[in-house]
Amino acid sequence: MNQNIKKILKEKLIRCNNIKKELFSKILKSIVQNNNIAIKKKIYANYVLNKRTRLKNATISKKNKICLATARRHGMFKNFSFCRHKIKELILMNKFTNIKNFNK
């Protein structure tokens, strides 16, 4: 019983924090798009917004590098978001163009 209550309270706290983050980002976006605000404030709001999204995206991409088509975690190439099997299929179907072969 106690564990269920703790889980519910933890989930409620996470939801509350997510709502605050969404509201903060909406306020920053509205500041950036408003023409009546001073340019320095708009630039700073844009900087804060970019910093928040950059940090969020960086942590997600470093933790989970997953193929978009097959959801594999292994056999991922550095510059692509597909695994080696899907890249081979796409090359055989001529969907990938301008790919250089470095095997000499």
PDB file of N, CA and C in Angstrom:
ATOM      1  N   MET A   1       0.814  -1.192   0.000  1.00  0.00           N
ATOM      2  CA  MET A   1       0.000   0.000   0.000  1.00  0.00           C
ATOM      3  C   MET A   1       0.861   1.261   0.000  1.00  0.00           C
ATOM      4  N   ASN A   2       1.890   1.275   0.859  1.00  0.00           N
ATOM      5  CA  ASN A   2       2.776   2.430   0.934  1.00  0.00           C
ATOM      6  C   ASN A   2       3.534   2.660  -0.370  1.00  0.00           C
ATOM      7  N   GLN A   3       3.963   1.568  -1.013  1.00  0.00           N
ATOM      8  CA  GLN A   3       4.715   1.689  -2.257  1.00  0.00           C
ATOM      9  C   GLN A   3       3.845   2.278  -3.355  1.00  0.00           C
ATOM     10  N   ASN A   4       2.577   1.882  -3.402  1.00  0.00           N
ATOM     11  CA  ASN A   4       1.672   2.430  -4.416  1.00  0.00           C
ATOM     12  C   ASN A   4       1.482   3.929  -4.217  1.00  0.00           C
ATOM     13  N   ILE A   5       1.340   4.347  -2.973  1.00  0.00           N
ATOM     14  CA  ILE A   5       1.173   5.770  -2.695  1.00  0.00           C
ATOM     15  C   ILE A   5       2.425   6.536  -3.077  1.00  0.00           C
ATOM     16  N   LYS A   6       3.605   5.969  -2.799  1.00  0.00           N
ATOM     17  CA  LYS A   6       4.861   6.626  -3.169  1.00  0.00           C
ATOM     18  C   LYS A   6       4.981   6.762  -4.678  1.00  0.00           C
ATOM     19  N   LYS A   7       4.600   5.704  -5.415  1.00  0.00           N
ATOM     20  CA  LYS A   7       4.666   5.756  -6.876  1.00  0.00           C
ATOM     21  C   LYS A   7       3.720   6.816  -7.431  1.00  0.00           C
ATOM     22  N   ILE A   8       2.522   6.890  -6.846  1.00  0.00           N
ATOM     23  CA  ILE A   8       1.543   7.873  -7.313  1.00  0.00           C
ATOM     24  C   ILE A   8       2.046   9.288  -7.051  1.00  0.00           C
ATOM     25  N   LEU A   9       2.599   9.524  -5.866  1.00  0.00           N
ATOM     26  CA  LEU A   9       3.116  10.857  -5.543  1.00  0.00           C
ATOM     27  C   LEU A   9       4.302  11.224  -6.427  1.00  0.00           C
ATOM     28  N   LYS A  10       5.159  10.244  -6.712  1.00  0.00           N
ATOM     29  CA  LYS A  10       6.309  10.491  -7.584  1.00  0.00           C
ATOM     30  C   LYS A  10       5.854  10.843  -8.993  1.00  0.00           C
ATOM     31  N   GLU A  11       4.872  10.112  -9.501  1.00  0.00           N
ATOM     32  CA  GLU A  11       4.351  10.385 -10.836  1.00  0.00           C
ATOM     33  C   GLU A  11       3.672  11.751 -10.881  1.00  0.00           C
ATOM     34  N   LYS A  12       2.969  12.098  -9.821  1.00  0.00           N
ATOM     35  CA  LYS A  12       2.310  13.402  -9.747  1.00  0.00           C
ATOM     36  C   LYS A  12       3.340  14.528  -9.763  1.00  0.00           C
ATOM     37  N   LEU A  13       4.447  14.348  -9.052  1.00  0.00           N
ATOM     38  CA  LEU A  13       5.522  15.338  -9.028  1.00  0.00           C
ATOM     39  C   LEU A  13       6.161  15.486 -10.405  1.00  0.00           C
ATOM     40  N   ILE A  14       6.389  14.368 -11.075  1.00  0.00           N
ATOM     41  CA  ILE A  14       6.978  14.405 -12.419  1.00  0.00           C
ATOM     42  C   ILE A  14       6.055  15.143 -13.381  1.00  0.00           C
ATOM     43  N   ARG A  15       4.751  14.860 -13.307  1.00  0.00           N
ATOM     44  CA  ARG A  15       3.803  15.555 -14.179  1.00  0.00           C
ATOM     45  C   ARG A  15       3.787  17.046 -13.911  1.00  0.00           C
ATOM     46  N   CYS A  16       3.826  17.424 -12.637  1.00  0.00           N
ATOM     47  CA  CYS A  16       3.833  18.839 -12.268  1.00  0.00           C
ATOM     48  C   CYS A  16       5.078  19.530 -12.828  1.00  0.00           C
ATOM     49  N   ASN A  17       6.229  18.884 -12.722  1.00  0.00           N
ATOM     50  CA  ASN A  17       7.473  19.457 -13.255  1.00  0.00           C
ATOM     51  C   ASN A  17       7.421  19.574 -14.772  1.00  0.00           C
ATOM     52  N   ASN A  18       6.849  18.584 -15.445  1.00  0.00           N
ATOM     53  CA  ASN A  18       6.741  18.638 -16.901  1.00  0.00           C
ATOM     54  C   ASN A  18       5.827  19.775 -17.338  1.00  0.00           C
ATOM     55  N   ILE A  19       4.747  19.986 -16.605  1.00  0.00           N
ATOM     56  CA  ILE A  19       3.840  21.088 -16.929  1.00  0.00           C
ATOM     57  C   ILE A  19       4.556  22.425 -16.766  1.00  0.00           C
ATOM     58  N   LYS A  20       5.350  22.561 -15.703  1.00  0.00           N
ATOM     59  CA  LYS A  20       6.108  23.798 -15.490  1.00  0.00           C
ATOM     60  C   LYS A  20       7.113  24.028 -16.614  1.00  0.00           C
ATOM     61  N   LYS A  21       7.789  22.963 -17.041  1.00  0.00           N
ATOM     62  CA  LYS A  21       8.766  23.095 -18.125  1.00  0.00           C
ATOM     63  C   LYS A  21       8.093  23.494 -19.435  1.00  0.00           C
ATOM     64  N   GLU A  22       6.941  22.894 -19.730  1.00  0.00           N
ATOM     65  CA  GLU A  22       6.218  23.240 -20.956  1.00  0.00           C
ATOM     66  C   GLU A  22       5.764  24.696 -20.923  1.00  0.00           C
ATOM     67  N   LEU A  23       5.248  25.132 -19.781  1.00  0.00           N
ATOM     68  CA  LEU A  23       4.797  26.511 -19.650  1.00  0.00           C
ATOM     69  C   LEU A  23       5.967  27.478 -19.819  1.00  0.00           C
ATOM     70  N   PHE A  24       7.111  27.147 -19.227  1.00  0.00           N
ATOM     71  CA  PHE A  24       8.300  27.993 -19.340  1.00  0.00           C
ATOM     72  C   PHE A  24       8.757  28.101 -20.791  1.00  0.00           C
ATOM     73  N   SER A  25       8.757  26.974 -21.509  1.00  0.00           N
ATOM     74  CA  SER A  25       9.187  27.020 -22.909  1.00  0.00           C
ATOM     75  C   SER A  25       8.184  27.789 -23.766  1.00  0.00           C
ATOM     76  N   LYS A  26       6.882  27.696 -23.464  1.00  0.00           N
ATOM     77  CA  LYS A  26       5.886  28.472 -24.221  1.00  0.00           C
ATOM     78  C   LYS A  26       6.072  29.963 -23.991  1.00  0.00           C
ATOM     79  N   ILE A  27       6.382  30.339 -22.750  1.00  0.00           N
ATOM     80  CA  ILE A  27       6.624  31.752 -22.453  1.00  0.00           C
ATOM     81  C   ILE A  27       7.849  32.250 -23.215  1.00  0.00           C
ATOM     82  N   LEU A  28       8.918  31.443 -23.225  1.00  0.00           N
ATOM     83  CA  LEU A  28      10.125  31.853 -23.957  1.00  0.00           C
ATOM     84  C   LEU A  28       9.846  31.985 -25.450  1.00  0.00           C
ATOM     85  N   LYS A  29       9.077  31.057 -26.020  1.00  0.00           N
ATOM     86  CA  LYS A  29       8.746  31.144 -27.443  1.00  0.00           C
ATOM     87  C   LYS A  29       7.931  32.386 -27.750  1.00  0.00           C
ATOM     88  N   SER A  30       6.993  32.722 -26.861  1.00  0.00           N
ATOM     89  CA  SER A  30       6.178  33.917 -27.089  1.00  0.00           C
ATOM     90  C   SER A  30       7.028  35.179 -26.994  1.00  0.00           C
ATOM     91  N   ILE A  31       8.024  35.183 -26.096  1.00  0.00           N
ATOM     92  CA  ILE A  31       8.925  36.342 -25.993  1.00  0.00           C
ATOM     93  C   ILE A  31       9.738  36.495 -27.271  1.00  0.00           C
ATOM     94  N   VAL A  32      10.228  35.391 -27.804  1.00  0.00           N
ATOM     95  CA  VAL A  32      11.047  35.440 -29.022  1.00  0.00           C
ATOM     96  C   VAL A  32      10.221  35.938 -30.209  1.00  0.00           C
ATOM     97  N   GLN A  33       8.950  35.563 -30.272  1.00  0.00           N
ATOM     98  CA  GLN A  33       8.122  35.923 -31.428  1.00  0.00           C
ATOM     99  C   GLN A  33       7.472  37.298 -31.310  1.00  0.00           C
ATOM    100  N   ASN A  34       7.474  37.902 -30.122  1.00  0.00           N
ATOM    101  CA  ASN A  34       6.845  39.197 -29.912  1.00  0.00           C
ATOM    102  C   ASN A  34       7.722  40.305 -30.474  1.00  0.00           C
ATOM    103  N   ASN A  35       7.134  41.214 -31.247  1.00  0.00           N
ATOM    104  CA  ASN A  35       7.894  42.304 -31.869  1.00  0.00           C
ATOM    105  C   ASN A  35       8.023  43.522 -30.975  1.00  0.00           C
ATOM    106  N   ASN A  36       7.279  43.609 -29.890  1.00  0.00           N
ATOM    107  CA  ASN A  36       7.285  44.792 -29.025  1.00  0.00           C
ATOM    108  C   ASN A  36       8.339  44.716 -27.918  1.00  0.00           C
ATOM    109  N   ILE A  37       9.027  43.607 -27.813  1.00  0.00           N
ATOM    110  CA  ILE A  37      10.018  43.418 -26.750  1.00  0.00           C
ATOM    111  C   ILE A  37      11.392  43.809 -27.279  1.00  0.00           C
ATOM    112  N   ALA A  38      12.251  44.294 -26.369  1.00  0.00           N
ATOM    113  CA  ALA A  38      13.597  44.726 -26.753  1.00  0.00           C
ATOM    114  C   ALA A  38      14.396  43.558 -27.328  1.00  0.00           C
ATOM    115  N   ILE A  39      15.305  43.884 -28.223  1.00  0.00           N
ATOM    116  CA  ILE A  39      16.060  42.863 -28.952  1.00  0.00           C
ATOM    117  C   ILE A  39      16.951  42.056 -28.010  1.00  0.00           C
ATOM    118  N   LYS A  40      17.559  42.708 -27.017  1.00  0.00           N
ATOM    119  CA  LYS A  40      18.436  41.988 -26.089  1.00  0.00           C
ATOM    120  C   LYS A  40      17.673  40.915 -25.323  1.00  0.00           C
ATOM    121  N   LYS A  41      16.455  41.255 -24.912  1.00  0.00           N
ATOM    122  CA  LYS A  41      15.647  40.281 -24.178  1.00  0.00           C
ATOM    123  C   LYS A  41      15.240  39.121 -25.079  1.00  0.00           C
ATOM    124  N   LYS A  42      14.935  39.431 -26.338  1.00  0.00           N
ATOM    125  CA  LYS A  42      14.565  38.375 -27.284  1.00  0.00           C
ATOM    126  C   LYS A  42      15.741  37.440 -27.544  1.00  0.00           C
ATOM    127  N   ILE A  43      16.931  38.018 -27.689  1.00  0.00           N
ATOM    128  CA  ILE A  43      18.122  37.200 -27.937  1.00  0.00           C
ATOM    129  C   ILE A  43      18.414  36.306 -26.738  1.00  0.00           C
ATOM    130  N   TYR A  44      18.295  36.866 -25.537  1.00  0.00           N
ATOM    131  CA  TYR A  44      18.548  36.071 -24.329  1.00  0.00           C
ATOM    132  C   TYR A  44      17.504  34.955 -24.179  1.00  0.00           C
ATOM    133  N   ALA A  45      16.241  35.259 -24.468  1.00  0.00           N
ATOM    134  CA  ALA A  45      15.193  34.236 -24.392  1.00  0.00           C
ATOM    135  C   ALA A  45      15.452  33.128 -25.406  1.00  0.00           C
ATOM    136  N   ASN A  46      15.892  33.498 -26.596  1.00  0.00           N
ATOM    137  CA  ASN A  46      16.218  32.501 -27.620  1.00  0.00           C
ATOM    138  C   ASN A  46      17.406  31.644 -27.188  1.00  0.00           C
ATOM    139  N   TYR A  47      18.397  32.281 -26.555  1.00  0.00           N
ATOM    140  CA  TYR A  47      19.562  31.542 -26.057  1.00  0.00           C
ATOM    141  C   TYR A  47      19.144  30.523 -24.994  1.00  0.00           C
ATOM    142  N   VAL A  48      18.324  30.942 -24.050  1.00  0.00           N
ATOM    143  CA  VAL A  48      17.871  30.034 -22.987  1.00  0.00           C
ATOM    144  C   VAL A  48      17.054  28.894 -23.579  1.00  0.00           C
ATOM    145  N   LEU A  49      16.179  29.213 -24.528  1.00  0.00           N
ATOM    146  CA  LEU A  49      15.355  28.182 -25.161  1.00  0.00           C
ATOM    147  C   LEU A  49      16.206  27.173 -25.912  1.00  0.00           C
ATOM    148  N   ASN A  50      17.187  27.656 -26.672  1.00  0.00           N
ATOM    149  CA  ASN A  50      18.068  26.752 -27.413  1.00  0.00           C
ATOM    150  C   ASN A  50      18.919  25.904 -26.471  1.00  0.00           C
ATOM    151  N   LYS A  51      19.368  26.504 -25.387  1.00  0.00           N
ATOM    152  CA  LYS A  51      20.190  25.774 -24.423  1.00  0.00           C
ATOM    153  C   LYS A  51      19.398  24.638 -23.790  1.00  0.00           C
ATOM    154  N   ARG A  52      18.143  24.908 -23.433  1.00  0.00           N
ATOM    155  CA  ARG A  52      17.301  23.882 -22.812  1.00  0.00           C
ATOM    156  C   ARG A  52      17.037  22.732 -23.787  1.00  0.00           C
ATOM    157  N   THR A  53      16.698  23.047 -25.032  1.00  0.00           N
ATOM    158  CA  THR A  53      16.398  21.992 -26.000  1.00  0.00           C
ATOM    159  C   THR A  53      17.662  21.233 -26.389  1.00  0.00           C
ATOM    160  N   ARG A  54      18.803  21.952 -26.483  1.00  0.00           N
ATOM    161  CA  ARG A  54      20.051  21.289 -26.853  1.00  0.00           C
ATOM    162  C   ARG A  54      20.456  20.270 -25.791  1.00  0.00           C
ATOM    163  N   LEU A  55      20.352  20.648 -24.529  1.00  0.00           N
ATOM    164  CA  LEU A  55      20.721  19.732 -23.452  1.00  0.00           C
ATOM    165  C   LEU A  55      19.790  18.525 -23.425  1.00  0.00           C
ATOM    166  N   LYS A  56      18.511  18.758 -23.633  1.00  0.00           N
ATOM    167  CA  LYS A  56      17.552  17.660 -23.615  1.00  0.00           C
ATOM    168  C   LYS A  56      17.816  16.691 -24.763  1.00  0.00           C
ATOM    169  N   ASN A  57      18.043  17.234 -25.953  1.00  0.00           N
ATOM    170  CA  ASN A  57      18.282  16.380 -27.111  1.00  0.00           C
ATOM    171  C   ASN A  57      19.607  15.640 -26.999  1.00  0.00           C
ATOM    172  N   ALA A  58      20.619  16.279 -26.422  1.00  0.00           N
ATOM    173  CA  ALA A  58      21.929  15.647 -26.309  1.00  0.00           C
ATOM    174  C   ALA A  58      21.868  14.444 -25.375  1.00  0.00           C
ATOM    175  N   THR A  59      21.170  14.581 -24.266  1.00  0.00           N
ATOM    176  CA  THR A  59      21.108  13.459 -23.331  1.00  0.00           C
ATOM    177  C   THR A  59      20.314  12.309 -23.915  1.00  0.00           C
ATOM    178  N   ILE A  60      19.263  12.611 -24.660  1.00  0.00           N
ATOM    179  CA  ILE A  60      18.466  11.539 -25.249  1.00  0.00           C
ATOM    180  C   ILE A  60      19.279  10.793 -26.303  1.00  0.00           C
ATOM    181  N   SER A  61      19.985  11.531 -27.170  1.00  0.00           N
ATOM    182  CA  SER A  61      20.706  10.872 -28.252  1.00  0.00           C
ATOM    183  C   SER A  61      21.903  10.085 -27.736  1.00  0.00           C
ATOM    184  N   LYS A  62      22.525  10.536 -26.640  1.00  0.00           N
ATOM    185  CA  LYS A  62      23.661   9.794 -26.120  1.00  0.00           C
ATOM    186  C   LYS A  62      23.233   8.509 -25.440  1.00  0.00           C
ATOM    187  N   LYS A  63      22.115   8.529 -24.766  1.00  0.00           N
ATOM    188  CA  LYS A  63      21.672   7.349 -24.043  1.00  0.00           C
ATOM    189  C   LYS A  63      21.138   6.284 -24.987  1.00  0.00           C
ATOM    190  N   ASN A  64      20.258   6.679 -25.899  1.00  0.00           N
ATOM    191  CA  ASN A  64      19.584   5.704 -26.738  1.00  0.00           C
ATOM    192  C   ASN A  64      19.839   6.014 -28.201  1.00  0.00           C
ATOM    193  N   LYS A  65      20.683   5.231 -28.818  1.00  0.00           N
ATOM    194  CA  LYS A  65      20.855   5.340 -30.260  1.00  0.00           C
ATOM    195  C   LYS A  65      20.171   4.130 -30.857  1.00  0.00           C
ATOM    196  N   ILE A  66      18.961   4.335 -31.355  1.00  0.00           N
ATOM    197  CA  ILE A  66      18.101   3.245 -31.797  1.00  0.00           C
ATOM    198  C   ILE A  66      17.771   3.453 -33.268  1.00  0.00           C
ATOM    199  N   CYS A  67      17.738   2.371 -34.011  1.00  0.00           N
ATOM    200  CA  CYS A  67      17.356   2.423 -35.419  1.00  0.00           C
ATOM    201  C   CYS A  67      15.895   2.856 -35.532  1.00  0.00           C
ATOM    202  N   LEU A  68      15.630   3.770 -36.458  1.00  0.00           N
ATOM    203  CA  LEU A  68      14.270   4.280 -36.609  1.00  0.00           C
ATOM    204  C   LEU A  68      13.333   3.257 -37.243  1.00  0.00           C
ATOM    205  N   ALA A  69      13.852   2.366 -38.035  1.00  0.00           N
ATOM    206  CA  ALA A  69      13.008   1.408 -38.736  1.00  0.00           C
ATOM    207  C   ALA A  69      12.837   0.099 -37.979  1.00  0.00           C
ATOM    208  N   THR A  70      13.947  -0.443 -37.464  1.00  0.00           N
ATOM    209  CA  THR A  70      13.881  -1.769 -36.844  1.00  0.00           C
ATOM    210  C   THR A  70      13.971  -1.746 -35.328  1.00  0.00           C
ATOM    211  N   ALA A  71      14.267  -0.605 -34.732  1.00  0.00           N
ATOM    212  CA  ALA A  71      14.396  -0.427 -33.280  1.00  0.00           C
ATOM    213  C   ALA A  71      15.533  -1.256 -32.684  1.00  0.00           C
ATOM    214  N   ARG A  72      16.573  -1.507 -33.480  1.00  0.00           N
ATOM    215  CA  ARG A  72      17.753  -2.208 -32.973  1.00  0.00           C
ATOM    216  C   ARG A  72      18.687  -1.219 -32.294  1.00  0.00           C
ATOM    217  N   ARG A  73      19.413  -1.699 -31.278  1.00  0.00           N
ATOM    218  CA  ARG A  73      20.382  -0.857 -30.591  1.00  0.00           C
ATOM    219  C   ARG A  73      21.812  -1.158 -31.033  1.00  0.00           C
ATOM    220  N   HIS A  74      22.018  -2.274 -31.681  1.00  0.00           N
ATOM    221  CA  HIS A  74      23.364  -2.676 -32.089  1.00  0.00           C
ATOM    222  C   HIS A  74      23.504  -2.520 -33.598  1.00  0.00           C
ATOM    223  N   GLY A  75      24.722  -2.369 -34.046  1.00  0.00           N
ATOM    224  CA  GLY A  75      24.985  -2.262 -35.478  1.00  0.00           C
ATOM    225  C   GLY A  75      24.593  -0.912 -36.035  1.00  0.00           C
ATOM    226  N   MET A  76      24.713   0.133 -35.217  1.00  0.00           N
ATOM    227  CA  MET A  76      24.344   1.471 -35.667  1.00  0.00           C
ATOM    228  C   MET A  76      25.564   2.166 -36.265  1.00  0.00           C
ATOM    229  N   PHE A  77      25.361   2.867 -37.377  1.00  0.00           N
ATOM    230  CA  PHE A  77      26.426   3.659 -37.964  1.00  0.00           C
ATOM    231  C   PHE A  77      26.467   5.030 -37.305  1.00  0.00           C
ATOM    232  N   LYS A  78      27.629   5.657 -37.382  1.00  0.00           N
ATOM    233  CA  LYS A  78      27.839   6.906 -36.654  1.00  0.00           C
ATOM    234  C   LYS A  78      26.961   8.046 -37.175  1.00  0.00           C
ATOM    235  N   ASN A  79      26.883   8.232 -38.476  1.00  0.00           N
ATOM    236  CA  ASN A  79      26.216   9.401 -39.041  1.00  0.00           C
ATOM    237  C   ASN A  79      24.781   9.135 -39.472  1.00  0.00           C
ATOM    238  N   PHE A  80      24.294   7.924 -39.290  1.00  0.00           N
ATOM    239  CA  PHE A  80      22.944   7.587 -39.719  1.00  0.00           C
ATOM    240  C   PHE A  80      22.098   7.215 -38.516  1.00  0.00           C
ATOM    241  N   SER A  81      20.805   7.271 -38.685  1.00  0.00           N
ATOM    242  CA  SER A  81      19.908   6.835 -37.619  1.00  0.00           C
ATOM    243  C   SER A  81      19.262   5.500 -37.985  1.00  0.00           C
ATOM    244  N   PHE A  82      19.954   4.724 -38.813  1.00  0.00           N
ATOM    245  CA  PHE A  82      19.505   3.389 -39.187  1.00  0.00           C
ATOM    246  C   PHE A  82      20.598   2.373 -38.863  1.00  0.00           C
ATOM    247  N   CYS A  83      20.187   1.131 -38.616  1.00  0.00           N
ATOM    248  CA  CYS A  83      21.167   0.079 -38.369  1.00  0.00           C
ATOM    249  C   CYS A  83      21.730  -0.407 -39.708  1.00  0.00           C
ATOM    250  N   ARG A  84      22.752  -1.238 -39.635  1.00  0.00           N
ATOM    251  CA  ARG A  84      23.437  -1.670 -40.857  1.00  0.00           C
ATOM    252  C   ARG A  84      22.547  -2.509 -41.757  1.00  0.00           C
ATOM    253  N   HIS A  85      21.627  -3.271 -41.173  1.00  0.00           N
ATOM    254  CA  HIS A  85      20.736  -4.107 -41.977  1.00  0.00           C
ATOM    255  C   HIS A  85      19.781  -3.246 -42.800  1.00  0.00           C
ATOM    256  N   LYS A  86      19.213  -2.221 -42.167  1.00  0.00           N
ATOM    257  CA  LYS A  86      18.275  -1.351 -42.877  1.00  0.00           C
ATOM    258  C   LYS A  86      18.984  -0.516 -43.928  1.00  0.00           C
ATOM    259  N   ILE A  87      20.220  -0.092 -43.638  1.00  0.00           N
ATOM    260  CA  ILE A  87      20.983   0.673 -44.631  1.00  0.00           C
ATOM    261  C   ILE A  87      21.266  -0.190 -45.854  1.00  0.00           C
ATOM    262  N   LYS A  88      21.589  -1.473 -45.624  1.00  0.00           N
ATOM    263  CA  LYS A  88      21.838  -2.378 -46.744  1.00  0.00           C
ATOM    264  C   LYS A  88      20.583  -2.549 -47.593  1.00  0.00           C
ATOM    265  N   GLU A  89      19.423  -2.690 -46.944  1.00  0.00           N
ATOM    266  CA  GLU A  89      18.160  -2.809 -47.683  1.00  0.00           C
ATOM    267  C   GLU A  89      17.884  -1.550 -48.501  1.00  0.00           C
ATOM    268  N   LEU A  90      18.102  -0.385 -47.893  1.00  0.00           N
ATOM    269  CA  LEU A  90      17.832   0.872 -48.584  1.00  0.00           C
ATOM    270  C   LEU A  90      18.772   1.075 -49.767  1.00  0.00           C
ATOM    271  N   ILE A  91      20.026   0.665 -49.621  1.00  0.00           N
ATOM    272  CA  ILE A  91      20.978   0.780 -50.733  1.00  0.00           C
ATOM    273  C   ILE A  91      20.581  -0.155 -51.871  1.00  0.00           C
ATOM    274  N   LEU A  92      20.139  -1.361 -51.532  1.00  0.00           N
ATOM    275  CA  LEU A  92      19.723  -2.300 -52.576  1.00  0.00           C
ATOM    276  C   LEU A  92      18.464  -1.823 -53.304  1.00  0.00           C
ATOM    277  N   MET A  93      17.618  -1.081 -52.628  1.00  0.00           N
ATOM    278  CA  MET A  93      16.405  -0.544 -53.263  1.00  0.00           C
ATOM    279  C   MET A  93      16.651   0.825 -53.901  1.00  0.00           C
ATOM    280  N   ASN A  94      17.915   1.286 -53.899  1.00  0.00           N
ATOM    281  CA  ASN A  94      18.328   2.574 -54.457  1.00  0.00           C
ATOM    282  C   ASN A  94      17.636   3.757 -53.785  1.00  0.00           C
ATOM    283  N   LYS A  95      17.403   3.673 -52.486  1.00  0.00           N
ATOM    284  CA  LYS A  95      16.826   4.796 -51.739  1.00  0.00           C
ATOM    285  C   LYS A  95      17.921   5.728 -51.227  1.00  0.00           C
ATOM    286  N   PHE A  96      19.114   5.179 -50.941  1.00  0.00           N
ATOM    287  CA  PHE A  96      20.255   5.986 -50.532  1.00  0.00           C
ATOM    288  C   PHE A  96      21.034   6.374 -51.771  1.00  0.00           C
ATOM    289  N   THR A  97      21.382   7.642 -51.877  1.00  0.00           N
ATOM    290  CA  THR A  97      22.220   8.092 -52.985  1.00  0.00           C
ATOM    291  C   THR A  97      23.429   8.824 -52.426  1.00  0.00           C
ATOM    292  N   ASN A  98      24.459   8.922 -53.231  1.00  0.00           N
ATOM    293  CA  ASN A  98      25.706   9.627 -52.884  1.00  0.00           C
ATOM    294  C   ASN A  98      26.381   9.032 -51.660  1.00  0.00           C
ATOM    295  N   ILE A  99      26.342   7.719 -51.519  1.00  0.00           N
ATOM    296  CA  ILE A  99      27.053   7.039 -50.435  1.00  0.00           C
ATOM    297  C   ILE A  99      28.393   6.562 -50.985  1.00  0.00           C
ATOM    298  N   LYS A 100      29.476   6.951 -50.297  1.00  0.00           N
ATOM    299  CA  LYS A 100      30.800   6.562 -50.754  1.00  0.00           C
ATOM    300  C   LYS A 100      31.231   5.288 -50.049  1.00  0.00           C
ATOM    301  N   ASN A 101      31.886   4.427 -50.780  1.00  0.00           N
ATOM    302  CA  ASN A 101      32.409   3.198 -50.221  1.00  0.00           C
ATOM    303  C   ASN A 101      33.871   3.410 -49.877  1.00  0.00           C
ATOM    304  N   PHE A 102      34.211   3.232 -48.595  1.00  0.00           N
ATOM    305  CA  PHE A 102      35.575   3.478 -48.161  1.00  0.00           C
ATOM    306  C   PHE A 102      36.410   2.207 -48.078  1.00  0.00           C
ATOM    307  N   ASN A 103      35.856   1.071 -48.467  1.00  0.00           N
ATOM    308  CA  ASN A 103      36.615  -0.182 -48.452  1.00  0.00           C
ATOM    309  C   ASN A 103      37.489  -0.226 -49.698  1.00  0.00           C
ATOM    310  N   LYS A 104      38.796  -0.125 -49.525  1.00  0.00           N
ATOM    311  CA  LYS A 104      39.705  -0.134 -50.688  1.00  0.00           C
ATOM    312  C   LYS A 104      40.650  -1.303 -50.596  1.00  0.00           C
TER     313      LYS A 104
END
